Amino acid sequence: MTDMRLIGIDIGGTHFRIGMVCDGQTVIRFQKAPTKNVLRSDDVLADIARFIVDYAGDTSFDAVVIGFPATLDRSRKKVLQAPNLEWMENLPVVEELGARLGVHVLAERDVILALYYDIAKYHLPADGVICGIYFGTGIGNAIMIGGEPLLGKNGVAGEIGHIPAMGSRVLCGCGNEGCVENLAAGKYLVHLQNTRYPKTPVEALFTEHGNEEALREFVDRMAAVVAAEINILDPDHMLIGGGVTNMADFPRDQLQERIVARTRKPYPAQDLHIIYAEDEPDKSVAGAAVYAKLRG
């Protein structure tokens, strides 16, 4: 799809991000729109199709690649469920959007598109095991083995944010209690801001309170998530990103120290290759183009 005109979309709970890629790598006409302005009716797929058509205007396009913060079936034809977006459930996106738009449609988890982008950006070889953990509102996780994303039997591999945190009874959007993403991702920072630091904006929590116990424990829980994946998969490369790790004054040194402390000794702890990925606003849109190129 290198020579095709592609539209890439990253769907989030707060914003829709969209851009056009004409040379297989450069995003042009990037836009960000509030999700509430896109989804105006009970017909979610009609709203998404309308959004794409309005964005494109008179410009023709050959394909659409959409990243969802959700689980998809193994065939990547249908969105199954999104813990943080109730409307995103059992959506036959590929067939219905393809029929409405008259073009080829690809669907994937947004975190896989982000990892494709970061692998290309940081010039990582496709062989071996590459993991990406992205701390945003929740915890996104993608795993590449030999250049292919790990899908799992049902297509839902990599849901590390939903491993249980012992002792927690917090209800998760997935329906379970005690999922770790409720304690080690952005939603927990919002909880801290509301309950303990009401006078501090969320984006300033690490600047003003980073040395306090509550924030240090939060970072330690993030490290435990990363170390769990490292201990299981012994990856060649571990990428860590997302909005949380790119917040002002986020303590990457502390996170790194706690990851090493929680990783099995002597290996893989002595041979870690960790990359802290930047949080470009059009990352998943650009990743959509990389994905389309590799998937043909």
Protein backbone atom coordinates (compact mmCIF):
# COMPACT_ATOMS: atom_id res chain seq x y z
CA MET A 1 0.00 0.00 0.00
CA THR A 2 3.00 2.31 -0.28
CA ASP A 3 1.68 4.22 -3.28
CA MET A 4 -1.89 4.40 -2.06
CA ARG A 5 -3.60 7.33 -0.39
CA LEU A 6 -4.40 6.08 3.08
CA ILE A 7 -6.48 7.52 5.91
CA GLY A 8 -5.31 6.51 9.39
CA ILE A 9 -7.51 6.93 12.45
CA ASP A 10 -6.79 6.56 16.16
CA ILE A 11 -10.01 6.34 18.13
CA GLY A 12 -9.90 7.33 21.79
CA GLY A 13 -12.38 7.95 24.52
CA THR A 14 -11.67 11.68 24.46
CA HIS A 15 -10.50 12.37 20.90
CA PHE A 16 -10.56 11.00 17.38
CA ARG A 17 -7.23 11.52 15.61
CA ILE A 18 -7.15 11.33 11.84
CA GLY A 19 -4.61 11.97 9.12
CA MET A 20 -3.87 11.16 5.49
CA VAL A 21 -0.72 9.40 4.35
CA CYS A 22 0.27 9.69 0.69
CA ASP A 23 3.82 8.33 0.53
CA GLY A 24 3.58 5.46 2.97
CA GLN A 25 5.05 7.33 5.92
CA THR A 26 4.32 11.07 6.16
CA VAL A 27 1.11 12.19 7.85
CA ILE A 28 -0.56 15.24 6.32
CA ARG A 29 -3.71 17.12 7.29
CA PHE A 30 -3.61 15.70 10.80
CA GLN A 31 -6.68 16.61 12.83
CA LYS A 32 -7.97 15.90 16.31
CA ALA A 33 -11.68 16.05 17.08
CA PRO A 34 -13.55 15.50 20.36
CA THR A 35 -15.13 12.05 20.37
CA LYS A 36 -18.44 13.51 21.51
CA ASN A 37 -18.51 15.62 18.32
CA VAL A 38 -18.02 12.55 16.15
CA LEU A 39 -20.40 10.10 17.78
CA ARG A 40 -23.73 11.88 17.61
CA SER A 41 -26.20 9.04 17.19
CA ASP A 42 -26.88 5.43 18.19
CA ASP A 43 -25.38 4.26 14.88
CA VAL A 44 -21.69 4.40 15.76
CA LEU A 45 -20.44 3.08 12.42
CA ALA A 46 -22.54 5.58 10.48
CA ASP A 47 -21.05 8.37 12.59
CA ILE A 48 -17.51 7.12 11.97
CA ALA A 49 -18.15 6.82 8.23
CA ARG A 50 -19.59 10.35 8.14
CA PHE A 51 -16.56 11.66 10.01
CA ILE A 52 -14.19 10.08 7.48
CA VAL A 53 -16.12 11.40 4.48
CA ASP A 54 -16.30 14.91 5.93
CA TYR A 55 -12.59 14.85 6.68
CA ALA A 56 -11.65 13.68 3.18
CA GLY A 57 -13.87 16.19 1.41
CA ASP A 58 -13.08 16.14 -2.30
CA THR A 59 -9.85 14.16 -1.81
CA SER A 60 -10.11 10.54 -2.87
CA PHE A 61 -8.56 7.79 -0.76
CA ASP A 62 -7.87 4.11 -1.30
CA ALA A 63 -7.96 2.59 2.17
CA VAL A 64 -8.70 3.26 5.84
CA VAL A 65 -6.81 1.83 8.80
CA ILE A 66 -8.40 2.32 12.23
CA GLY A 67 -6.80 1.76 15.61
CA PHE A 68 -9.16 0.91 18.46
CA PRO A 69 -8.46 0.98 22.22
CA ALA A 70 -10.23 -2.35 22.40
CA THR A 71 -10.02 -6.08 21.88
CA LEU A 72 -10.65 -7.36 18.36
CA ASP A 73 -11.43 -10.82 17.11
CA ARG A 74 -8.56 -12.86 15.69
CA SER A 75 -9.59 -12.12 12.10
CA ARG A 76 -9.43 -8.38 12.84
CA LYS A 77 -12.91 -7.90 11.36
CA LYS A 78 -14.86 -7.02 14.50
CA VAL A 79 -14.29 -4.96 17.64
CA LEU A 80 -15.21 -7.09 20.64
CA GLN A 81 -15.06 -4.84 23.69
CA ALA A 82 -13.38 -1.76 25.14
CA PRO A 83 -13.21 -1.42 28.94
CA ASN A 84 -13.18 2.38 28.82
CA LEU A 85 -15.71 2.89 25.99
CA GLU A 86 -19.10 1.26 26.51
CA TRP A 87 -20.29 1.98 22.96
CA MET A 88 -17.45 -0.01 21.43
CA GLU A 89 -18.76 -3.55 21.61
CA ASN A 90 -19.40 -6.21 18.94
CA LEU A 91 -18.90 -3.76 16.06
CA PRO A 92 -18.45 -5.36 12.58
CA VAL A 93 -16.23 -2.47 11.56
CA VAL A 94 -14.38 -3.90 8.57
CA GLU A 95 -17.37 -5.15 6.61
CA GLU A 96 -19.77 -2.34 7.42
CA LEU A 97 -17.33 0.55 7.04
CA GLY A 98 -15.91 -0.99 3.89
CA ALA A 99 -19.41 -1.18 2.42
CA ARG A 100 -20.28 2.37 3.46
CA LEU A 101 -17.04 3.89 2.21
CA GLY A 102 -16.36 1.68 -0.79
CA VAL A 103 -12.70 1.19 0.12
CA HIS A 104 -10.52 -1.38 1.83
CA VAL A 105 -10.73 -1.11 5.64
CA LEU A 106 -8.26 -2.55 8.14
CA ALA A 107 -8.84 -2.62 11.90
CA GLU A 108 -6.29 -3.18 14.65
CA ARG A 109 -5.64 -2.41 18.30
CA ASP A 110 -4.30 1.11 18.63
CA VAL A 111 -1.39 -0.09 20.72
CA ILE A 112 -0.21 -2.42 17.95
CA LEU A 113 -0.21 0.49 15.51
CA ALA A 114 1.80 2.52 18.03
CA LEU A 115 4.32 -0.28 18.38
CA TYR A 116 4.69 -0.60 14.60
CA TYR A 117 5.46 3.12 14.51
CA ASP A 118 8.01 2.93 17.32
CA ILE A 119 9.77 -0.09 15.84
CA ALA A 120 10.24 1.89 12.63
CA LYS A 121 11.21 5.11 14.44
CA TYR A 122 13.85 3.49 16.62
CA HIS A 123 15.13 1.26 13.78
CA LEU A 124 14.58 -1.99 15.65
CA PRO A 125 15.11 -5.27 13.78
CA ALA A 126 11.96 -7.24 13.10
CA ASP A 127 13.31 -10.52 14.40
CA GLY A 128 13.17 -11.58 18.03
CA VAL A 129 10.69 -10.43 20.66
CA ILE A 130 9.66 -6.77 20.96
CA CYS A 131 7.21 -5.58 23.60
CA GLY A 132 5.48 -2.23 23.98
CA ILE A 133 3.68 -1.11 27.12
CA TYR A 134 1.91 2.24 26.89
CA PHE A 135 0.58 3.87 30.05
CA GLY A 136 -2.35 6.11 29.17
CA THR A 137 -5.83 6.17 30.66
CA GLY A 138 -5.40 2.40 30.83
CA ILE A 139 -2.45 0.17 30.00
CA GLY A 140 -1.91 -0.76 26.35
CA ASN A 141 0.31 -3.70 25.54
CA ALA A 142 1.52 -5.11 22.22
CA ILE A 143 3.90 -8.01 21.63
CA MET A 144 5.78 -8.70 18.39
CA ILE A 145 7.45 -12.06 17.77
CA GLY A 146 9.48 -12.43 14.61
CA GLY A 147 7.89 -9.32 13.13
CA GLU A 148 4.32 -10.50 13.71
CA PRO A 149 1.96 -9.27 16.43
CA LEU A 150 1.01 -11.90 18.98
CA LEU A 151 -2.78 -12.30 18.68
CA GLY A 152 -3.64 -15.32 20.79
CA LYS A 153 -6.40 -17.89 20.35
CA ASN A 154 -9.21 -15.31 20.47
CA GLY A 155 -7.23 -12.35 19.17
CA VAL A 156 -6.95 -10.70 22.59
CA ALA A 157 -3.35 -11.44 23.64
CA GLY A 158 -1.41 -8.75 25.45
CA GLU A 159 -4.04 -7.52 27.91
CA ILE A 160 -1.49 -7.02 30.65
CA GLY A 161 -3.56 -4.22 32.16
CA HIS A 162 -6.06 -6.85 33.24
CA ILE A 163 -3.82 -9.07 35.29
CA PRO A 164 -5.14 -9.05 38.89
CA ALA A 165 -3.65 -6.83 41.54
CA MET A 166 -3.94 -8.88 44.72
CA GLY A 167 -6.02 -7.18 47.39
CA SER A 168 -7.77 -4.78 45.02
CA ARG A 169 -11.56 -4.93 44.65
CA VAL A 170 -11.81 -1.96 42.27
CA LEU A 171 -14.34 -2.74 39.55
CA CYS A 172 -12.83 -2.57 36.07
CA GLY A 173 -14.58 -1.65 32.84
CA CYS A 174 -13.84 -5.16 31.58
CA GLY A 175 -16.19 -6.55 34.23
CA ASN A 176 -13.59 -7.99 36.59
CA GLU A 177 -12.41 -6.73 39.94
CA GLY A 178 -8.86 -5.72 40.76
CA CYS A 179 -7.32 -5.21 37.31
CA VAL A 180 -3.91 -3.60 37.65
CA GLU A 181 -4.61 -0.82 35.12
CA ASN A 182 -6.94 0.75 37.67
CA LEU A 183 -3.93 1.20 39.98
CA ALA A 184 -1.04 1.79 37.56
CA ALA A 185 -2.38 4.01 34.77
CA GLY A 186 -3.78 7.45 34.15
CA LYS A 187 -7.20 6.68 35.61
CA TYR A 188 -5.52 6.19 38.99
CA LEU A 189 -3.77 9.55 38.69
CA VAL A 190 -7.18 11.13 38.16
CA HIS A 191 -8.37 9.32 41.29
CA LEU A 192 -5.37 10.64 43.24
CA GLN A 193 -6.00 14.16 42.01
CA ASN A 194 -9.66 14.01 43.04
CA THR A 195 -9.11 12.46 46.45
CA ARG A 196 -5.70 13.64 47.65
CA TYR A 197 -4.50 16.55 45.51
CA PRO A 198 -7.64 18.48 44.47
CA LYS A 199 -5.72 21.74 44.08
CA THR A 200 -3.13 20.25 41.72
CA PRO A 201 -3.92 19.68 38.03
CA VAL A 202 -3.35 16.09 36.97
CA GLU A 203 -0.63 17.14 34.54
CA ALA A 204 1.34 18.70 37.43
CA LEU A 205 1.14 15.81 39.88
CA PHE A 206 4.73 14.64 39.40
CA THR A 207 6.07 18.18 39.38
CA GLU A 208 4.48 19.05 42.71
CA HIS A 209 4.16 15.70 44.48
CA GLY A 210 6.51 13.28 42.72
CA ASN A 211 8.55 12.53 45.85
CA GLU A 212 5.53 11.71 47.98
CA GLU A 213 4.64 8.15 48.90
CA ALA A 214 1.43 7.96 46.86
CA LEU A 215 3.19 8.83 43.59
CA ARG A 216 6.22 6.68 44.35
CA GLU A 217 3.97 3.68 45.00
CA PHE A 218 2.16 4.39 41.74
CA VAL A 219 5.45 4.31 39.80
CA ASP A 220 6.43 1.09 41.58
CA ARG A 221 3.19 -0.53 40.42
CA MET A 222 3.98 0.57 36.86
CA ALA A 223 7.39 -1.08 37.22
CA ALA A 224 5.77 -4.29 38.44
CA VAL A 225 3.66 -4.43 35.27
CA VAL A 226 6.70 -3.98 33.02
CA ALA A 227 8.80 -6.45 35.01
CA ALA A 228 6.05 -9.08 34.80
CA GLU A 229 6.16 -8.99 31.01
CA ILE A 230 9.96 -8.97 30.92
CA ASN A 231 10.14 -11.96 33.27
CA ILE A 232 7.71 -13.94 31.10
CA LEU A 233 8.95 -13.04 27.61
CA ASP A 234 12.62 -12.00 28.04
CA PRO A 235 12.22 -9.52 25.14
CA ASP A 236 15.01 -8.28 22.92
CA HIS A 237 13.58 -4.76 23.21
CA MET A 238 11.06 -3.27 25.64
CA LEU A 239 9.39 0.01 24.68
CA ILE A 240 7.64 2.05 27.35
CA GLY A 241 5.47 5.00 26.40
CA GLY A 242 2.09 6.65 26.64
CA GLY A 243 0.83 9.87 28.15
CA VAL A 244 1.80 9.03 31.72
CA THR A 245 5.51 8.44 31.09
CA ASN A 246 5.61 11.63 29.04
CA MET A 247 4.07 13.82 31.75
CA ALA A 248 6.10 16.74 33.06
CA ASP A 249 8.76 15.57 35.52
CA PHE A 250 7.73 11.93 35.33
CA PRO A 251 10.51 10.06 37.23
CA ARG A 252 11.90 7.77 34.55
CA ASP A 253 15.00 7.09 36.65
CA GLN A 254 12.81 5.79 39.47
CA LEU A 255 10.76 3.67 37.08
CA GLN A 256 13.93 2.22 35.54
CA GLU A 257 15.39 1.43 38.96
CA ARG A 258 12.20 -0.31 40.10
CA ILE A 259 11.92 -2.30 36.86
CA VAL A 260 15.44 -3.64 37.36
CA ALA A 261 14.70 -4.34 41.03
CA ARG A 262 11.62 -6.40 40.11
CA THR A 263 13.17 -8.26 37.17
CA ARG A 264 14.63 -11.72 37.69
CA LYS A 265 18.37 -11.91 38.49
CA PRO A 266 20.84 -12.34 36.94
CA TYR A 267 18.94 -12.49 33.67
CA PRO A 268 17.08 -10.85 32.10
CA ALA A 269 17.85 -8.03 34.58
CA GLN A 270 21.48 -7.69 33.45
CA ASP A 271 20.64 -7.47 29.76
CA LEU A 272 17.64 -5.16 29.48
CA HIS A 273 17.14 -2.89 26.49
CA ILE A 274 14.45 -0.39 27.44
CA ILE A 275 13.42 2.48 25.18
CA TYR A 276 11.23 5.30 26.46
CA ALA A 277 9.06 6.25 23.50
CA GLU A 278 7.88 9.78 22.93
CA ASP A 279 4.14 10.44 22.76
CA GLU A 280 3.62 12.08 19.36
CA PRO A 281 -0.04 13.00 18.80
CA ASP A 282 -0.12 11.34 15.37
CA LYS A 283 1.76 8.19 16.41
CA SER A 284 -1.02 5.69 15.81
CA VAL A 285 -2.05 7.47 12.60
CA ALA A 286 1.49 7.13 11.27
CA GLY A 287 1.63 3.60 12.65
CA ALA A 288 -1.46 2.81 10.59
CA ALA A 289 0.55 3.52 7.44
CA VAL A 290 3.42 1.30 8.59
CA TYR A 291 0.91 -1.43 9.41
CA ALA A 292 -0.82 -1.15 6.03
CA LYS A 293 2.50 -1.29 4.19
CA LEU A 294 3.61 -4.43 6.02
CA ARG A 295 0.23 -6.13 5.84
CA GLY A 296 -0.14 -5.44 2.12
